[in-house]
PDB file of N, CA and C in Angstrom:
ATOM      1  N   MET A   1     -27.693  -6.054  24.102  1.00  0.00           N
ATOM      2  CA  MET A   1     -28.027  -6.386  22.842  1.00  0.00           C
ATOM      3  C   MET A   1     -28.125  -7.254  22.643  1.00  0.00           C
ATOM      4  N   THR A   2     -29.398  -8.028  21.616  1.00  0.00           N
ATOM      5  CA  THR A   2     -29.456  -9.906  21.330  1.00  0.00           C
ATOM      6  C   THR A   2     -28.376  -9.299  20.589  1.00  0.00           C
ATOM      7  N   ASP A   3     -28.442 -11.052  19.880  1.00  0.00           N
ATOM      8  CA  ASP A   3     -27.765 -11.786  18.626  1.00  0.00           C
ATOM      9  C   ASP A   3     -28.061 -10.654  17.415  1.00  0.00           C
ATOM     10  N   SER A   4     -28.759 -10.510  17.584  1.00  0.00           N
ATOM     11  CA  SER A   4     -29.209 -10.684  15.969  1.00  0.00           C
ATOM     12  C   SER A   4     -29.297  -9.012  15.976  1.00  0.00           C
ATOM     13  N   THR A   5     -29.890  -7.925  16.728  1.00  0.00           N
ATOM     14  CA  THR A   5     -28.457  -6.553  16.657  1.00  0.00           C
ATOM     15  C   THR A   5     -27.056  -6.728  16.503  1.00  0.00           C
ATOM     16  N   LEU A   6     -26.750  -7.891  17.338  1.00  0.00           N
ATOM     17  CA  LEU A   6     -25.256  -7.792  17.277  1.00  0.00           C
ATOM     18  C   LEU A   6     -24.568  -7.651  15.591  1.00  0.00           C
ATOM     19  N   THR A   7     -25.467  -9.549  14.937  1.00  0.00           N
ATOM     20  CA  THR A   7     -24.949  -9.340  14.176  1.00  0.00           C
ATOM     21  C   THR A   7     -25.474  -8.604  13.151  1.00  0.00           C
ATOM     22  N   THR A   8     -25.985  -7.712  13.263  1.00  0.00           N
ATOM     23  CA  THR A   8     -26.543  -6.633  12.290  1.00  0.00           C
ATOM     24  C   THR A   8     -25.553  -5.756  12.118  1.00  0.00           C
ATOM     25  N   LYS A   9     -24.916  -5.579  12.753  1.00  0.00           N
ATOM     26  CA  LYS A   9     -23.722  -4.479  13.141  1.00  0.00           C
ATOM     27  C   LYS A   9     -22.789  -4.502  12.681  1.00  0.00           C
ATOM     28  N   VAL A  10     -22.134  -6.700  12.290  1.00  0.00           N
ATOM     29  CA  VAL A  10     -21.067  -6.888  12.535  1.00  0.00           C
ATOM     30  C   VAL A  10     -21.306  -6.958  11.044  1.00  0.00           C
ATOM     31  N   ASP A  11     -22.184  -7.542  10.662  1.00  0.00           N
ATOM     32  CA  ASP A  11     -22.422  -7.623   8.865  1.00  0.00           C
ATOM     33  C   ASP A  11     -22.009  -5.692   8.483  1.00  0.00           C
ATOM     34  N   SER A  12     -22.418  -5.310   9.253  1.00  0.00           N
ATOM     35  CA  SER A  12     -22.612  -3.845   8.574  1.00  0.00           C
ATOM     36  C   SER A  12     -21.187  -3.461   9.031  1.00  0.00           C
ATOM     37  N   GLY A  13     -20.392  -3.910   9.656  1.00  0.00           N
ATOM     38  CA  GLY A  13     -19.424  -2.947   9.881  1.00  0.00           C
ATOM     39  C   GLY A  13     -18.500  -4.119   8.546  1.00  0.00           C
ATOM     40  N   ARG A  14     -18.447  -5.795   8.664  1.00  0.00           N
ATOM     41  CA  ARG A  14     -17.695  -5.975   7.557  1.00  0.00           C
ATOM     42  C   ARG A  14     -18.447  -5.630   6.523  1.00  0.00           C
ATOM     43  N   GLN A  15     -19.592  -4.777   5.828  1.00  0.00           N
ATOM     44  CA  GLN A  15     -19.386  -4.414   4.223  1.00  0.00           C
ATOM     45  C   GLN A  15     -18.869  -3.241   4.177  1.00  0.00           C
ATOM     46  N   VAL A  16     -18.403  -2.341   5.524  1.00  0.00           N
ATOM     47  CA  VAL A  16     -18.061  -0.762   5.872  1.00  0.00           C
ATOM     48  C   VAL A  16     -16.323  -1.711   4.626  1.00  0.00           C
ATOM     49  N   ILE A  17     -15.902  -2.417   6.002  1.00  0.00           N
ATOM     50  CA  ILE A  17     -14.314  -3.009   5.965  1.00  0.00           C
ATOM     51  C   ILE A  17     -13.455  -3.956   4.501  1.00  0.00           C
ATOM     52  N   ASP A  18     -14.781  -5.256   3.765  1.00  0.00           N
ATOM     53  CA  ASP A  18     -14.705  -5.198   2.709  1.00  0.00           C
ATOM     54  C   ASP A  18     -14.496  -3.957   1.709  1.00  0.00           C
ATOM     55  N   SER A  19     -16.102  -3.483   1.412  1.00  0.00           N
ATOM     56  CA  SER A  19     -15.571  -2.175   0.860  1.00  0.00           C
ATOM     57  C   SER A  19     -14.201  -0.542   0.049  1.00  0.00           C
ATOM     58  N   ILE A  20     -13.419  -1.020   2.221  1.00  0.00           N
ATOM     59  CA  ILE A  20     -11.776  -0.007   2.562  1.00  0.00           C
ATOM     60  C   ILE A  20     -11.315  -1.057   1.444  1.00  0.00           C
ATOM     61  N   ASP A  21     -12.100  -2.266   2.652  1.00  0.00           N
ATOM     62  CA  ASP A  21     -10.655  -3.349   0.987  1.00  0.00           C
ATOM     63  C   ASP A  21     -10.512  -3.423   0.261  1.00  0.00           C
ATOM     64  N   GLY A  22     -11.335  -3.393  -1.074  1.00  0.00           N
ATOM     65  CA  GLY A  22     -11.021  -3.185  -2.553  1.00  0.00           C
ATOM     66  C   GLY A  22     -11.278  -2.026  -2.863  1.00  0.00           C
ATOM     67  N   THR A  23     -11.088  -0.630  -2.031  1.00  0.00           N
ATOM     68  CA  THR A  23     -10.488   0.919  -2.321  1.00  0.00           C
ATOM     69  C   THR A  23      -8.874   0.096  -2.393  1.00  0.00           C
ATOM     70  N   ILE A  24      -8.640   0.496  -1.346  1.00  0.00           N
ATOM     71  CA  ILE A  24      -6.825  -0.403  -1.254  1.00  0.00           C
ATOM     72  C   ILE A  24      -6.266  -0.827  -2.048  1.00  0.00           C
ATOM     73  N   ILE A  25      -7.183  -2.529  -2.461  1.00  0.00           N
ATOM     74  CA  ILE A  25      -6.493  -3.179  -3.765  1.00  0.00           C
ATOM     75  C   ILE A  25      -6.173  -2.337  -4.980  1.00  0.00           C
ATOM     76  N   ARG A  26      -7.200  -0.849  -5.104  1.00  0.00           N
ATOM     77  CA  ARG A  26      -7.486  -1.135  -6.450  1.00  0.00           C
ATOM     78  C   ARG A  26      -5.561   0.127  -5.822  1.00  0.00           C
ATOM     79  N   LEU A  27      -5.974   0.899  -4.793  1.00  0.00           N
ATOM     80  CA  LEU A  27      -5.392   2.052  -5.040  1.00  0.00           C
ATOM     81  C   LEU A  27      -3.367   1.368  -5.237  1.00  0.00           C
ATOM     82  N   VAL A  28      -3.383   0.102  -4.680  1.00  0.00           N
ATOM     83  CA  VAL A  28      -2.354  -0.383  -4.388  1.00  0.00           C
ATOM     84  C   VAL A  28      -2.014  -0.576  -5.822  1.00  0.00           C
ATOM     85  N   ARG A  29      -2.532  -1.176  -6.416  1.00  0.00           N
ATOM     86  CA  ARG A  29      -2.439  -1.495  -8.146  1.00  0.00           C
ATOM     87  C   ARG A  29      -1.882  -0.198  -8.902  1.00  0.00           C
ATOM     88  N   GLU A  30      -3.005   0.749  -8.708  1.00  0.00           N
ATOM     89  CA  GLU A  30      -2.037   1.738  -9.495  1.00  0.00           C
ATOM     90  C   GLU A  30      -1.125   2.400  -8.861  1.00  0.00           C
ATOM     91  N   ARG A  31      -0.760   2.394  -8.099  1.00  0.00           N
ATOM     92  CA  ARG A  31       1.556   2.680  -7.121  1.00  0.00           C
ATOM     93  C   ARG A  31       1.399   1.545  -8.092  1.00  0.00           C
ATOM     94  N   GLN A  32       1.279   0.811  -8.100  1.00  0.00           N
ATOM     95  CA  GLN A  32       2.105  -0.728  -8.743  1.00  0.00           C
ATOM     96  C   GLN A  32       2.892  -0.589 -10.382  1.00  0.00           C
ATOM     97  N   GLN A  33       1.559   0.337 -11.239  1.00  0.00           N
ATOM     98  CA  GLN A  33       1.854   0.817 -12.268  1.00  0.00           C
ATOM     99  C   GLN A  33       3.105   2.160 -11.960  1.00  0.00           C
ATOM    100  N   ALA A  34       2.287   3.186 -11.979  1.00  0.00           N
ATOM    101  CA  ALA A  34       3.093   4.620 -11.684  1.00  0.00           C
ATOM    102  C   ALA A  34       4.253   4.014 -10.898  1.00  0.00           C
ATOM    103  N   ALA A  35       4.438   3.169  -9.971  1.00  0.00           N
ATOM    104  CA  ALA A  35       6.254   2.646  -9.439  1.00  0.00           C
ATOM    105  C   ALA A  35       6.538   2.100 -10.826  1.00  0.00           C
ATOM    106  N   ALA A  36       6.101   1.320 -11.437  1.00  0.00           N
ATOM    107  CA  ALA A  36       6.771   0.789 -12.955  1.00  0.00           C
ATOM    108  C   ALA A  36       7.172   1.845 -13.281  1.00  0.00           C
ATOM    109  N   GLY A  37       5.991   2.754 -14.212  1.00  0.00           N
ATOM    110  CA  GLY A  37       6.615   3.639 -14.371  1.00  0.00           C
ATOM    111  C   GLY A  37       7.720   4.164 -14.982  1.00  0.00           C
ATOM    112  N   VAL A  38       8.104   4.879 -12.976  1.00  0.00           N
ATOM    113  CA  VAL A  38       9.451   5.755 -12.135  1.00  0.00           C
ATOM    114  C   VAL A  38      10.578   4.580 -12.653  1.00  0.00           C
ATOM    115  N   GLN A  39      10.164   3.203 -12.503  1.00  0.00           N
ATOM    116  CA  GLN A  39      11.025   2.561 -12.470  1.00  0.00           C
ATOM    117  C   GLN A  39      11.826   2.347 -12.899  1.00  0.00           C
ATOM    118  N   GLN A  40      10.632   2.523 -14.847  1.00  0.00           N
ATOM    119  CA  GLN A  40      11.405   2.254 -16.122  1.00  0.00           C
ATOM    120  C   GLN A  40      12.260   3.066 -16.668  1.00  0.00           C
ATOM    121  N   ALA A  41      11.486   5.398 -16.243  1.00  0.00           N
ATOM    122  CA  ALA A  41      11.858   5.958 -16.908  1.00  0.00           C
ATOM    123  C   ALA A  41      13.973   6.227 -16.146  1.00  0.00           C
ATOM    124  N   ARG A  42      13.729   5.561 -15.079  1.00  0.00           N
ATOM    125  CA  ARG A  42      14.755   6.172 -14.289  1.00  0.00           C
ATOM    126  C   ARG A  42      16.040   4.976 -14.705  1.00  0.00           C
ATOM    127  N   VAL A  43      15.687   3.791 -15.397  1.00  0.00           N
ATOM    128  CA  VAL A  43      16.530   2.636 -16.364  1.00  0.00           C
ATOM    129  C   VAL A  43      17.362   3.355 -17.492  1.00  0.00           C
ATOM    130  N   ASP A  44      15.783   3.857 -18.155  1.00  0.00           N
ATOM    131  CA  ASP A  44      16.313   4.483 -19.624  1.00  0.00           C
ATOM    132  C   ASP A  44      16.659   5.591 -19.057  1.00  0.00           C
ATOM    133  N   ALA A  45      17.038   6.221 -17.933  1.00  0.00           N
ATOM    134  CA  ALA A  45      17.876   7.612 -18.484  1.00  0.00           C
ATOM    135  C   ALA A  45      19.116   6.972 -17.288  1.00  0.00           C
ATOM    136  N   GLY A  46      19.536   5.458 -17.390  1.00  0.00           N
ATOM    137  CA  GLY A  46      20.635   4.814 -16.701  1.00  0.00           C
ATOM    138  C   GLY A  46      21.379   4.740 -15.493  1.00  0.00           C
ATOM    139  N   GLU A  47      19.908   5.566 -14.806  1.00  0.00           N
ATOM    140  CA  GLU A  47      20.008   5.626 -13.502  1.00  0.00           C
ATOM    141  C   GLU A  47      19.555   4.242 -12.536  1.00  0.00           C
ATOM    142  N   PRO A  48      20.229   3.374 -11.514  1.00  0.00           N
ATOM    143  CA  PRO A  48      19.539   2.736 -11.200  1.00  0.00           C
ATOM    144  C   PRO A  48      17.585   2.208 -10.823  1.00  0.00           C
ATOM    145  N   ARG A  49      16.673   1.555 -10.999  1.00  0.00           N
ATOM    146  CA  ARG A  49      16.207   1.288 -11.238  1.00  0.00           C
ATOM    147  C   ARG A  49      15.226   1.655  -9.658  1.00  0.00           C
ATOM    148  N   LEU A  50      15.310   1.220  -8.056  1.00  0.00           N
ATOM    149  CA  LEU A  50      15.320   1.918  -7.453  1.00  0.00           C
ATOM    150  C   LEU A  50      15.818   3.012  -6.436  1.00  0.00           C
ATOM    151  N   HIS A  51      15.446   4.177  -5.655  1.00  0.00           N
ATOM    152  CA  HIS A  51      15.906   5.342  -4.453  1.00  0.00           C
ATOM    153  C   HIS A  51      16.111   4.679  -3.473  1.00  0.00           C
ATOM    154  N   ASN A  52      16.947   4.705  -3.147  1.00  0.00           N
ATOM    155  CA  ASN A  52      16.801   3.701  -0.875  1.00  0.00           C
ATOM    156  C   ASN A  52      16.487   5.171  -0.316  1.00  0.00           C
ATOM    157  N   ALA A  53      16.770   6.356  -1.268  1.00  0.00           N
ATOM    158  CA  ALA A  53      16.264   7.510  -0.151  1.00  0.00           C
ATOM    159  C   ALA A  53      14.891   7.947  -0.373  1.00  0.00           C
ATOM    160  N   ARG A  54      14.437   7.489  -1.663  1.00  0.00           N
ATOM    161  CA  ARG A  54      12.857   7.929  -2.006  1.00  0.00           C
ATOM    162  C   ARG A  54      12.025   6.556  -1.338  1.00  0.00           C
ATOM    163  N   GLU A  55      12.243   5.649  -1.408  1.00  0.00           N
ATOM    164  CA  GLU A  55      11.629   4.436  -0.185  1.00  0.00           C
ATOM    165  C   GLU A  55      11.726   4.642   1.316  1.00  0.00           C
ATOM    166  N   ILE A  56      13.434   5.526   1.641  1.00  0.00           N
ATOM    167  CA  ILE A  56      13.626   5.807   3.294  1.00  0.00           C
ATOM    168  C   ILE A  56      12.358   6.883   3.389  1.00  0.00           C
ATOM    169  N   SER A  57      12.096   7.516   2.459  1.00  0.00           N
ATOM    170  CA  SER A  57      10.772   8.421   3.496  1.00  0.00           C
ATOM    171  C   SER A  57       9.733   8.229   3.018  1.00  0.00           C
ATOM    172  N   VAL A  58       9.667   7.038   1.762  1.00  0.00           N
ATOM    173  CA  VAL A  58       8.117   6.538   2.169  1.00  0.00           C
ATOM    174  C   VAL A  58       7.919   5.809   3.121  1.00  0.00           C
ATOM    175  N   LEU A  59       9.342   5.591   4.322  1.00  0.00           N
ATOM    176  CA  LEU A  59       8.824   4.306   5.214  1.00  0.00           C
ATOM    177  C   LEU A  59       8.585   5.759   6.600  1.00  0.00           C
ATOM    178  N   LYS A  60       8.884   6.893   6.473  1.00  0.00           N
ATOM    179  CA  LYS A  60       8.542   7.351   7.226  1.00  0.00           C
ATOM    180  C   LYS A  60       7.425   8.370   7.908  1.00  0.00           C
ATOM    181  N   ARG A  61       7.183   8.496   5.895  1.00  0.00           N
ATOM    182  CA  ARG A  61       5.976   8.952   6.485  1.00  0.00           C
ATOM    183  C   ARG A  61       4.899   8.268   7.096  1.00  0.00           C
ATOM    184  N   TYR A  62       5.247   7.098   6.433  1.00  0.00           N
ATOM    185  CA  TYR A  62       4.492   6.351   7.087  1.00  0.00           C
ATOM    186  C   TYR A  62       4.107   5.469   7.853  1.00  0.00           C
ATOM    187  N   SER A  63       5.824   5.686   8.890  1.00  0.00           N
ATOM    188  CA  SER A  63       5.223   5.406  10.612  1.00  0.00           C
ATOM    189  C   SER A  63       4.860   7.498  11.632  1.00  0.00           C
ATOM    190  N   GLY A  64       5.030   7.959  10.905  1.00  0.00           N
ATOM    191  CA  GLY A  64       5.645   9.186  10.607  1.00  0.00           C
ATOM    192  C   GLY A  64       3.727   9.287  10.858  1.00  0.00           C
ATOM    193  N   GLU A  65       2.718   9.091  10.524  1.00  0.00           N
ATOM    194  CA  GLU A  65       1.495   8.478  10.023  1.00  0.00           C
ATOM    195  C   GLU A  65       0.777   7.524  10.908  1.00  0.00           C
ATOM    196  N   LEU A  66       1.176   6.734  10.790  1.00  0.00           N
ATOM    197  CA  LEU A  66       0.739   4.561  11.326  1.00  0.00           C
ATOM    198  C   LEU A  66       1.115   4.777  12.915  1.00  0.00           C
ATOM    199  N   GLY A  67       2.575   5.238  13.361  1.00  0.00           N
ATOM    200  CA  GLY A  67       3.063   4.766  13.825  1.00  0.00           C
ATOM    201  C   GLY A  67       3.859   3.366  13.318  1.00  0.00           C
ATOM    202  N   LYS A  68       4.208   2.981  14.312  1.00  0.00           N
ATOM    203  CA  LYS A  68       5.242   0.957  14.204  1.00  0.00           C
ATOM    204  C   LYS A  68       4.712   0.416  13.221  1.00  0.00           C
ATOM    205  N   PRO A  69       3.501  -0.167  13.110  1.00  0.00           N
ATOM    206  CA  PRO A  69       2.077  -1.075  11.993  1.00  0.00           C
ATOM    207  C   PRO A  69       2.507   0.143  10.629  1.00  0.00           C
ATOM    208  N   GLY A  70       2.825   0.843  10.807  1.00  0.00           N
ATOM    209  CA  GLY A  70       2.692   1.385   9.141  1.00  0.00           C
ATOM    210  C   GLY A  70       4.153   1.745   8.956  1.00  0.00           C
ATOM    211  N   THR A  71       5.160   1.792   9.560  1.00  0.00           N
ATOM    212  CA  THR A  71       6.205   1.271   8.895  1.00  0.00           C
ATOM    213  C   THR A  71       5.948  -0.561   8.348  1.00  0.00           C
ATOM    214  N   ALA A  72       5.497  -1.085   8.911  1.00  0.00           N
ATOM    215  CA  ALA A  72       5.191  -2.764   7.909  1.00  0.00           C
ATOM    216  C   ALA A  72       4.471  -2.554   6.543  1.00  0.00           C
ATOM    217  N   LEU A  73       3.602  -1.864   6.687  1.00  0.00           N
ATOM    218  CA  LEU A  73       2.303  -1.337   5.688  1.00  0.00           C
ATOM    219  C   LEU A  73       3.900  -0.934   4.287  1.00  0.00           C
ATOM    220  N   ALA A  74       3.655   0.451   5.260  1.00  0.00           N
ATOM    221  CA  ALA A  74       4.739   0.844   3.766  1.00  0.00           C
ATOM    222  C   ALA A  74       6.234   0.229   3.434  1.00  0.00           C
ATOM    223  N   SER A  75       6.340  -0.819   4.344  1.00  0.00           N
ATOM    224  CA  SER A  75       7.578  -2.073   3.837  1.00  0.00           C
ATOM    225  C   SER A  75       6.795  -3.106   2.586  1.00  0.00           C
ATOM    226  N   ALA A  76       5.449  -3.482   3.444  1.00  0.00           N
ATOM    227  CA  ALA A  76       4.852  -4.213   2.430  1.00  0.00           C
ATOM    228  C   ALA A  76       4.305  -3.873   0.809  1.00  0.00           C
ATOM    229  N   ILE A  77       3.838  -1.987   0.684  1.00  0.00           N
ATOM    230  CA  ILE A  77       3.146  -2.145  -0.692  1.00  0.00           C
ATOM    231  C   ILE A  77       5.049  -1.996  -0.945  1.00  0.00           C
ATOM    232  N   LEU A  78       5.832  -0.238  -0.415  1.00  0.00           N
ATOM    233  CA  LEU A  78       6.955  -0.960  -1.339  1.00  0.00           C
ATOM    234  C   LEU A  78       7.722  -2.482  -2.493  1.00  0.00           C
ATOM    235  N   THR A  79       7.587  -3.013  -0.994  1.00  0.00           N
ATOM    236  CA  THR A  79       7.589  -4.867  -2.222  1.00  0.00           C
ATOM    237  C   THR A  79       7.217  -5.154  -2.791  1.00  0.00           C
ATOM    238  N   SER A  80       5.819  -4.543  -2.723  1.00  0.00           N
ATOM    239  CA  SER A  80       4.967  -4.955  -3.592  1.00  0.00           C
ATOM    240  C   SER A  80       4.855  -4.574  -5.047  1.00  0.00           C
ATOM    241  N   CYS A  81       5.755  -2.970  -5.086  1.00  0.00           N
ATOM    242  CA  CYS A  81       5.595  -2.211  -6.053  1.00  0.00           C
ATOM    243  C   CYS A  81       6.947  -2.634  -6.344  1.00  0.00           C
ATOM    244  N   ARG A  82       8.189  -3.525  -6.687  1.00  0.00           N
ATOM    245  CA  ARG A  82       8.861  -2.823  -7.288  1.00  0.00           C
ATOM    246  C   ARG A  82       9.008  -3.434  -8.122  1.00  0.00           C
ATOM    247  N   GLY A  83       8.690  -4.638  -8.345  1.00  0.00           N
ATOM    248  CA  GLY A  83       7.845  -5.652 -10.124  1.00  0.00           C
ATOM    249  C   GLY A  83       9.698  -5.957  -9.585  1.00  0.00           C
ATOM    250  N   PRO A  84       9.561  -6.658 -11.068  1.00  0.00           N
ATOM    251  CA  PRO A  84      10.192  -8.163 -11.253  1.00  0.00           C
ATOM    252  C   PRO A  84      11.686  -7.180 -11.494  1.00  0.00           C
ATOM    253  N   ARG A  85      12.968  -8.173 -10.694  1.00  0.00           N
ATOM    254  CA  ARG A  85      14.418  -6.975 -11.264  1.00  0.00           C
ATOM    255  C   ARG A  85      14.646  -7.127 -12.148  1.00  0.00           C
ATOM    256  N   ALA A  86      15.468  -6.398 -13.614  1.00  0.00           N
ATOM    257  CA  ALA A  86      16.016  -6.735 -14.139  1.00  0.00           C
ATOM    258  C   ALA A  86      16.892  -7.890 -14.143  1.00  0.00           C
TER     259      ALA A  86
END
């Protein structure tokens, strides 16, 4: 493989990755908005803002699909979606 071919393949792959990252960022922002709505509804109903059993089920889902890295990813996503403490 020539250096030019390698550069082309790497650049092409990076463009795909950048596009995927943009989609992930957009989806995390959507998830943050949805989570804020759920949390507000819980607070308005006199319930705790967060539901630990739900968070555990999300962690298990990511772990089951992606293994140990999935747990870390889910934890980061959950943290970003919790919003400010009231």
